[in-house]
């Protein structure tokens, strides 16, 4: 399954950032990909081989898939994300 991080909404991205427990490398890649940075460019920025970035990407995708429970996600977005954003 090919996930395009940049296709998620801001609340969904915030949910994944909050609950995915990304490693430092995974977090860097996640943040680059949500800006639509190609994997090749991510490899350059992260000073990694392309094969390493692809492995990290698979781990990020796996964590996102595990967290994708629409009811729980919707509850968090409605009860935590939006109230926090609206207070700003």
N, C-alpha and C. Protein backbone atom coordinates (compact mmCIF):
# COMPACT_ATOMS: atom_id res chain seq x y z
N UNK A 1 0.84 -1.18 0.00
CA UNK A 1 0.00 0.00 0.00
C UNK A 1 0.89 1.24 0.00
N UNK A 2 0.62 2.14 -0.89
CA UNK A 2 1.38 3.38 -1.00
C UNK A 2 0.60 4.49 -0.32
N UNK A 3 1.18 5.05 0.74
CA UNK A 3 0.56 6.16 1.44
C UNK A 3 1.21 7.46 1.00
N UNK A 4 0.41 8.45 0.79
CA UNK A 4 0.93 9.78 0.45
C UNK A 4 0.64 10.68 1.63
N UNK A 5 1.65 10.88 2.45
CA UNK A 5 1.49 11.65 3.68
C UNK A 5 0.93 13.03 3.40
N UNK A 6 1.33 13.63 2.28
CA UNK A 6 0.88 14.98 1.97
C UNK A 6 -0.59 15.05 1.60
N UNK A 7 -1.26 13.91 1.44
CA UNK A 7 -2.70 13.90 1.15
C UNK A 7 -3.56 13.92 2.40
N UNK A 8 -2.97 13.74 3.58
CA UNK A 8 -3.74 13.76 4.82
C UNK A 8 -4.10 15.20 5.19
N UNK A 9 -5.16 15.34 5.97
CA UNK A 9 -5.54 16.67 6.46
C UNK A 9 -4.64 17.06 7.62
N UNK A 10 -4.63 18.35 7.96
CA UNK A 10 -3.83 18.82 9.10
C UNK A 10 -4.21 18.09 10.40
N UNK A 11 -5.51 17.92 10.70
CA UNK A 11 -5.85 17.18 11.92
C UNK A 11 -5.35 15.74 11.91
N UNK A 12 -5.42 15.07 10.76
CA UNK A 12 -4.92 13.70 10.67
C UNK A 12 -3.40 13.66 10.89
N UNK A 13 -2.69 14.61 10.28
CA UNK A 13 -1.24 14.67 10.47
C UNK A 13 -0.89 14.90 11.93
N UNK A 14 -1.64 15.77 12.60
CA UNK A 14 -1.41 16.02 14.02
C UNK A 14 -1.67 14.77 14.84
N UNK A 15 -2.70 14.02 14.48
CA UNK A 15 -3.03 12.76 15.17
C UNK A 15 -1.88 11.76 15.04
N UNK A 16 -1.39 11.59 13.84
CA UNK A 16 -0.29 10.64 13.63
C UNK A 16 0.97 11.10 14.36
N UNK A 17 1.25 12.38 14.33
CA UNK A 17 2.43 12.90 15.04
C UNK A 17 2.31 12.64 16.54
N UNK A 18 1.11 12.79 17.06
CA UNK A 18 0.86 12.63 18.49
C UNK A 18 0.98 11.18 18.94
N UNK A 19 0.45 10.25 18.16
CA UNK A 19 0.31 8.88 18.63
C UNK A 19 1.18 7.83 17.96
N UNK A 20 1.91 8.15 16.91
CA UNK A 20 2.68 7.13 16.18
C UNK A 20 3.97 6.73 16.88
N UNK A 21 4.44 7.54 17.81
CA UNK A 21 5.69 7.23 18.51
C UNK A 21 6.82 7.02 17.50
N UNK A 22 6.93 7.98 16.58
CA UNK A 22 7.97 7.92 15.57
C UNK A 22 9.35 8.05 16.21
N UNK A 23 10.31 7.30 15.68
CA UNK A 23 11.71 7.48 16.07
C UNK A 23 12.16 8.83 15.50
N UNK A 24 13.32 9.35 15.93
CA UNK A 24 13.77 10.63 15.37
C UNK A 24 13.87 10.61 13.84
N UNK A 25 14.40 9.54 13.27
CA UNK A 25 14.50 9.45 11.81
C UNK A 25 13.13 9.39 11.16
N UNK A 26 12.23 8.61 11.75
CA UNK A 26 10.88 8.51 11.21
C UNK A 26 10.17 9.86 11.26
N UNK A 27 10.38 10.59 12.34
CA UNK A 27 9.75 11.91 12.49
C UNK A 27 10.26 12.88 11.44
N UNK A 28 11.56 12.86 11.20
CA UNK A 28 12.13 13.72 10.16
C UNK A 28 11.52 13.39 8.80
N UNK A 29 11.48 12.10 8.47
CA UNK A 29 10.92 11.69 7.18
C UNK A 29 9.44 12.05 7.09
N UNK A 30 8.69 11.80 8.14
CA UNK A 30 7.26 12.14 8.17
C UNK A 30 7.06 13.62 7.88
N UNK A 31 7.83 14.46 8.54
CA UNK A 31 7.70 15.92 8.34
C UNK A 31 8.12 16.36 6.94
N UNK A 32 9.13 15.72 6.39
CA UNK A 32 9.52 16.04 5.01
C UNK A 32 8.45 15.60 4.02
N UNK A 33 7.93 14.39 4.23
CA UNK A 33 6.95 13.85 3.29
C UNK A 33 5.64 14.63 3.33
N UNK A 34 5.27 15.14 4.50
CA UNK A 34 4.02 15.92 4.55
C UNK A 34 4.17 17.24 3.81
N UNK A 35 5.41 17.64 3.52
CA UNK A 35 5.67 18.83 2.69
C UNK A 35 5.84 18.44 1.23
N UNK A 36 5.56 17.17 0.91
CA UNK A 36 5.62 16.64 -0.45
C UNK A 36 7.05 16.57 -0.99
N UNK A 37 8.02 16.38 -0.12
CA UNK A 37 9.42 16.23 -0.54
C UNK A 37 9.59 14.80 -1.06
N UNK A 38 10.11 14.61 -2.27
CA UNK A 38 10.31 13.27 -2.82
C UNK A 38 11.31 12.46 -1.97
N UNK A 39 11.15 11.15 -1.99
CA UNK A 39 12.03 10.28 -1.19
C UNK A 39 13.50 10.49 -1.54
N UNK A 40 13.80 10.72 -2.80
CA UNK A 40 15.18 10.93 -3.21
C UNK A 40 15.78 12.16 -2.51
N UNK A 41 15.01 13.23 -2.45
CA UNK A 41 15.45 14.45 -1.79
C UNK A 41 15.54 14.23 -0.27
N UNK A 42 14.60 13.44 0.28
CA UNK A 42 14.65 13.10 1.72
C UNK A 42 15.95 12.39 2.04
N UNK A 43 16.37 11.48 1.16
CA UNK A 43 17.63 10.76 1.36
C UNK A 43 18.80 11.73 1.42
N UNK A 44 18.81 12.71 0.53
CA UNK A 44 19.88 13.72 0.53
C UNK A 44 19.86 14.53 1.82
N UNK A 45 18.69 15.01 2.20
CA UNK A 45 18.55 15.85 3.39
C UNK A 45 18.94 15.08 4.65
N UNK A 46 18.56 13.81 4.70
CA UNK A 46 18.81 12.98 5.88
C UNK A 46 20.20 12.33 5.86
N UNK A 47 20.94 12.55 4.78
CA UNK A 47 22.27 11.96 4.61
C UNK A 47 22.23 10.44 4.75
N UNK A 48 21.26 9.85 4.02
CA UNK A 48 21.06 8.40 4.05
C UNK A 48 21.03 7.86 2.63
N UNK A 49 21.26 6.58 2.53
CA UNK A 49 21.07 5.89 1.25
C UNK A 49 19.58 5.79 0.96
N UNK A 50 19.23 5.69 -0.29
CA UNK A 50 17.83 5.55 -0.68
C UNK A 50 17.19 4.31 -0.06
N UNK A 51 17.94 3.22 0.01
CA UNK A 51 17.39 1.99 0.60
C UNK A 51 17.04 2.21 2.08
N UNK A 52 17.84 2.99 2.78
CA UNK A 52 17.56 3.28 4.19
C UNK A 52 16.30 4.12 4.32
N UNK A 53 16.16 5.11 3.47
CA UNK A 53 14.97 5.97 3.51
C UNK A 53 13.72 5.16 3.18
N UNK A 54 13.83 4.24 2.25
CA UNK A 54 12.68 3.38 1.92
C UNK A 54 12.29 2.51 3.11
N UNK A 55 13.27 2.00 3.84
CA UNK A 55 12.98 1.20 5.05
C UNK A 55 12.28 2.05 6.10
N UNK A 56 12.78 3.26 6.30
CA UNK A 56 12.17 4.18 7.26
C UNK A 56 10.74 4.50 6.82
N UNK A 57 10.55 4.74 5.53
CA UNK A 57 9.24 5.04 4.98
C UNK A 57 8.26 3.89 5.23
N UNK A 58 8.72 2.66 5.06
CA UNK A 58 7.85 1.50 5.32
C UNK A 58 7.44 1.45 6.78
N UNK A 59 8.36 1.78 7.69
CA UNK A 59 8.03 1.79 9.12
C UNK A 59 7.01 2.88 9.43
N UNK A 60 7.19 4.06 8.84
CA UNK A 60 6.23 5.16 9.03
C UNK A 60 4.86 4.74 8.51
N UNK A 61 4.81 4.18 7.32
CA UNK A 61 3.54 3.73 6.74
C UNK A 61 2.87 2.69 7.61
N UNK A 62 3.65 1.76 8.14
CA UNK A 62 3.09 0.70 9.01
C UNK A 62 2.47 1.31 10.26
N UNK A 63 3.14 2.28 10.86
CA UNK A 63 2.61 2.92 12.06
C UNK A 63 1.33 3.70 11.74
N UNK A 64 1.31 4.37 10.61
CA UNK A 64 0.11 5.11 10.21
C UNK A 64 -1.06 4.16 10.00
N UNK A 65 -0.80 3.06 9.32
CA UNK A 65 -1.86 2.07 9.07
C UNK A 65 -2.39 1.51 10.39
N UNK A 66 -1.49 1.21 11.33
CA UNK A 66 -1.91 0.68 12.63
C UNK A 66 -2.78 1.68 13.39
N UNK A 67 -2.52 2.96 13.23
CA UNK A 67 -3.27 3.99 13.95
C UNK A 67 -4.57 4.40 13.28
N UNK A 68 -4.75 3.98 12.06
CA UNK A 68 -5.91 4.45 11.31
C UNK A 68 -7.15 3.70 11.75
N UNK A 69 -7.76 4.25 12.78
CA UNK A 69 -9.03 3.77 13.31
C UNK A 69 -9.92 5.00 13.26
N UNK A 70 -10.76 5.08 12.27
CA UNK A 70 -11.47 6.33 12.02
C UNK A 70 -12.28 6.83 13.21
N UNK A 71 -12.89 5.94 13.97
CA UNK A 71 -13.69 6.41 15.11
C UNK A 71 -12.79 7.06 16.16
N UNK A 72 -11.70 6.39 16.52
CA UNK A 72 -10.79 6.95 17.52
C UNK A 72 -10.16 8.24 17.02
N UNK A 73 -9.77 8.24 15.75
CA UNK A 73 -9.15 9.42 15.17
C UNK A 73 -10.14 10.59 15.16
N UNK A 74 -11.37 10.33 14.75
CA UNK A 74 -12.38 11.38 14.71
C UNK A 74 -12.66 11.93 16.09
N UNK A 75 -12.70 11.06 17.10
CA UNK A 75 -12.93 11.51 18.47
C UNK A 75 -11.79 12.42 18.93
N UNK A 76 -10.55 12.03 18.65
CA UNK A 76 -9.41 12.85 19.05
C UNK A 76 -9.43 14.20 18.34
N UNK A 77 -9.70 14.17 17.06
CA UNK A 77 -9.74 15.41 16.28
C UNK A 77 -10.84 16.34 16.83
N UNK A 78 -12.03 15.78 17.08
CA UNK A 78 -13.14 16.60 17.57
C UNK A 78 -12.94 17.09 19.00
N UNK A 79 -12.40 16.24 19.87
CA UNK A 79 -12.32 16.56 21.29
C UNK A 79 -11.00 17.19 21.74
N UNK A 80 -9.94 17.01 20.95
CA UNK A 80 -8.63 17.53 21.36
C UNK A 80 -8.08 18.52 20.34
N UNK A 81 -7.99 18.09 19.11
CA UNK A 81 -7.34 18.93 18.08
C UNK A 81 -8.08 20.25 17.86
N UNK A 82 -9.37 20.17 17.52
CA UNK A 82 -10.09 21.41 17.20
C UNK A 82 -10.22 22.35 18.39
N UNK A 83 -10.54 21.87 19.59
CA UNK A 83 -10.56 22.82 20.72
C UNK A 83 -9.22 23.50 20.94
N UNK A 84 -8.13 22.77 20.75
CA UNK A 84 -6.78 23.35 20.91
C UNK A 84 -6.53 24.42 19.83
N UNK A 85 -6.88 24.12 18.61
CA UNK A 85 -6.68 25.06 17.49
C UNK A 85 -7.56 26.30 17.67
N UNK A 86 -8.80 26.10 18.08
CA UNK A 86 -9.72 27.22 18.20
C UNK A 86 -9.37 28.16 19.36
N UNK A 87 -8.63 27.68 20.35
CA UNK A 87 -8.19 28.51 21.45
C UNK A 87 -7.06 29.45 21.05
N UNK A 88 -6.36 29.13 19.99
CA UNK A 88 -5.20 29.93 19.57
C UNK A 88 -5.61 31.27 19.03
